[in-house]
């Protein structure tokens, strides 16, 4: 797949719905949550177009979102501890 093919790919609404669940980090995570949520969303869209089975796509989607939540948590803890001292 070339770069032009990837850029011109239109995703169905179902793909956006499945890939967008990490965007909840924007509500609770502020700017740091936004960064992690957008990265997870883009990765989830790539997972949707992969050759994985449907079950593996769902599991990879969940794993990516949970990794984003964990990254946000550790980053937020680091920033908070930096500001306290």
C-alpha atoms as a PDB file:
ATOM      1  CA  UNK A   1       0.000   0.000   0.000  1.00  0.00           C
ATOM      2  CA  UNK A   2       1.436   3.341  -0.988  1.00  0.00           C
ATOM      3  CA  UNK A   3       1.243   6.523   1.009  1.00  0.00           C
ATOM      4  CA  UNK A   4      -1.315   7.961  -1.403  1.00  0.00           C
ATOM      5  CA  UNK A   5      -3.519   4.891  -1.006  1.00  0.00           C
ATOM      6  CA  UNK A   6      -3.387   5.162   2.769  1.00  0.00           C
ATOM      7  CA  UNK A   7      -4.240   8.875   2.702  1.00  0.00           C
ATOM      8  CA  UNK A   8      -7.171   8.372   0.351  1.00  0.00           C
ATOM      9  CA  UNK A   9      -8.687   5.518   2.362  1.00  0.00           C
ATOM     10  CA  UNK A  10     -12.177   6.340   3.599  1.00  0.00           C
ATOM     11  CA  UNK A  11     -13.092   4.617   6.810  1.00  0.00           C
ATOM     12  CA  UNK A  12     -16.697   3.605   7.487  1.00  0.00           C
ATOM     13  CA  UNK A  13     -18.509   5.060  10.481  1.00  0.00           C
ATOM     14  CA  UNK A  14     -18.167   1.716  12.261  1.00  0.00           C
ATOM     15  CA  UNK A  15     -14.364   1.974  12.127  1.00  0.00           C
ATOM     16  CA  UNK A  16     -14.433   5.472  13.604  1.00  0.00           C
ATOM     17  CA  UNK A  17     -16.805   4.338  16.356  1.00  0.00           C
ATOM     18  CA  UNK A  18     -14.606   1.405  17.345  1.00  0.00           C
ATOM     19  CA  UNK A  19     -11.386   3.401  17.111  1.00  0.00           C
ATOM     20  CA  UNK A  20     -12.634   6.471  18.976  1.00  0.00           C
ATOM     21  CA  UNK A  21     -13.279   5.033  22.423  1.00  0.00           C
ATOM     22  CA  UNK A  22      -9.886   6.208  23.805  1.00  0.00           C
ATOM     23  CA  UNK A  23     -10.982   9.791  23.071  1.00  0.00           C
ATOM     24  CA  UNK A  24     -12.683   9.736  26.481  1.00  0.00           C
ATOM     25  CA  UNK A  25      -9.208  10.595  27.773  1.00  0.00           C
ATOM     26  CA  UNK A  26      -9.755  14.120  26.445  1.00  0.00           C
ATOM     27  CA  UNK A  27     -12.551  14.660  28.964  1.00  0.00           C
ATOM     28  CA  UNK A  28     -10.610  13.467  31.995  1.00  0.00           C
ATOM     29  CA  UNK A  29      -7.029  13.862  30.834  1.00  0.00           C
ATOM     30  CA  UNK A  30      -6.653  17.367  29.489  1.00  0.00           C
ATOM     31  CA  UNK A  31      -3.789  18.051  27.089  1.00  0.00           C
ATOM     32  CA  UNK A  32      -1.875  14.911  28.013  1.00  0.00           C
ATOM     33  CA  UNK A  33      -5.022  12.849  27.526  1.00  0.00           C
ATOM     34  CA  UNK A  34      -5.568  14.488  24.146  1.00  0.00           C
ATOM     35  CA  UNK A  35      -2.130  13.439  22.930  1.00  0.00           C
ATOM     36  CA  UNK A  36      -2.528   9.835  24.048  1.00  0.00           C
ATOM     37  CA  UNK A  37      -6.116   9.627  22.784  1.00  0.00           C
ATOM     38  CA  UNK A  38      -5.286  10.883  19.291  1.00  0.00           C
ATOM     39  CA  UNK A  39      -2.326   8.518  19.000  1.00  0.00           C
ATOM     40  CA  UNK A  40      -4.496   5.585  20.114  1.00  0.00           C
ATOM     41  CA  UNK A  41      -7.259   6.630  17.705  1.00  0.00           C
ATOM     42  CA  UNK A  42      -4.891   6.703  14.737  1.00  0.00           C
ATOM     43  CA  UNK A  43      -3.374   3.357  15.672  1.00  0.00           C
ATOM     44  CA  UNK A  44      -6.853   1.867  16.066  1.00  0.00           C
ATOM     45  CA  UNK A  45      -7.768   3.024  12.552  1.00  0.00           C
ATOM     46  CA  UNK A  46      -4.680   1.227  11.226  1.00  0.00           C
ATOM     47  CA  UNK A  47      -5.693  -1.873  13.174  1.00  0.00           C
ATOM     48  CA  UNK A  48      -9.129  -1.727  11.562  1.00  0.00           C
ATOM     49  CA  UNK A  49      -7.618  -1.878   8.055  1.00  0.00           C
ATOM     50  CA  UNK A  50      -5.154  -4.654   8.925  1.00  0.00           C
ATOM     51  CA  UNK A  51      -5.468  -8.289   7.897  1.00  0.00           C
ATOM     52  CA  UNK A  52      -6.172  -9.480  11.439  1.00  0.00           C
ATOM     53  CA  UNK A  53      -9.242 -11.527  12.244  1.00  0.00           C
ATOM     54  CA  UNK A  54     -12.214  -9.684  13.729  1.00  0.00           C
ATOM     55  CA  UNK A  55     -11.491 -11.006  17.234  1.00  0.00           C
ATOM     56  CA  UNK A  56      -7.830  -9.975  17.016  1.00  0.00           C
ATOM     57  CA  UNK A  57      -8.835  -6.508  15.801  1.00  0.00           C
ATOM     58  CA  UNK A  58     -11.110  -6.084  18.811  1.00  0.00           C
ATOM     59  CA  UNK A  59      -8.427  -7.289  21.216  1.00  0.00           C
ATOM     60  CA  UNK A  60      -5.749  -5.096  19.614  1.00  0.00           C
ATOM     61  CA  UNK A  61      -8.124  -2.125  19.765  1.00  0.00           C
ATOM     62  CA  UNK A  62      -8.733  -2.677  23.476  1.00  0.00           C
ATOM     63  CA  UNK A  63      -5.042  -3.199  24.168  1.00  0.00           C
ATOM     64  CA  UNK A  64      -4.122   0.005  22.348  1.00  0.00           C
ATOM     65  CA  UNK A  65      -6.726   2.008  24.259  1.00  0.00           C
ATOM     66  CA  UNK A  66      -5.692   0.553  27.600  1.00  0.00           C
ATOM     67  CA  UNK A  67      -2.047   1.300  26.803  1.00  0.00           C
ATOM     68  CA  UNK A  68      -3.055   4.911  26.094  1.00  0.00           C
ATOM     69  CA  UNK A  69      -4.864   5.071  29.443  1.00  0.00           C
ATOM     70  CA  UNK A  70      -1.822   3.643  31.223  1.00  0.00           C
ATOM     71  CA  UNK A  71       0.506   6.058  29.447  1.00  0.00           C
ATOM     72  CA  UNK A  72      -1.726   8.948  30.428  1.00  0.00           C
ATOM     73  CA  UNK A  73      -1.823   7.771  34.051  1.00  0.00           C
ATOM     74  CA  UNK A  74       1.964   7.457  34.344  1.00  0.00           C
ATOM     75  CA  UNK A  75       2.546  10.774  32.578  1.00  0.00           C
ATOM     76  CA  UNK A  76       0.029  12.531  34.810  1.00  0.00           C
ATOM     77  CA  UNK A  77       1.641  11.051  37.926  1.00  0.00           C
ATOM     78  CA  UNK A  78       5.068  12.162  36.734  1.00  0.00           C
ATOM     79  CA  UNK A  79       3.893  15.715  36.023  1.00  0.00           C
ATOM     80  CA  UNK A  80       2.085  15.891  39.359  1.00  0.00           C
ATOM     81  CA  UNK A  81       5.135  14.694  41.301  1.00  0.00           C
ATOM     82  CA  UNK A  82       7.318  17.163  39.400  1.00  0.00           C
ATOM     83  CA  UNK A  83       5.014  20.066  40.286  1.00  0.00           C
ATOM     84  CA  UNK A  84       4.801  19.128  43.972  1.00  0.00           C
ATOM     85  CA  UNK A  85       8.553  19.178  44.570  1.00  0.00           C
END
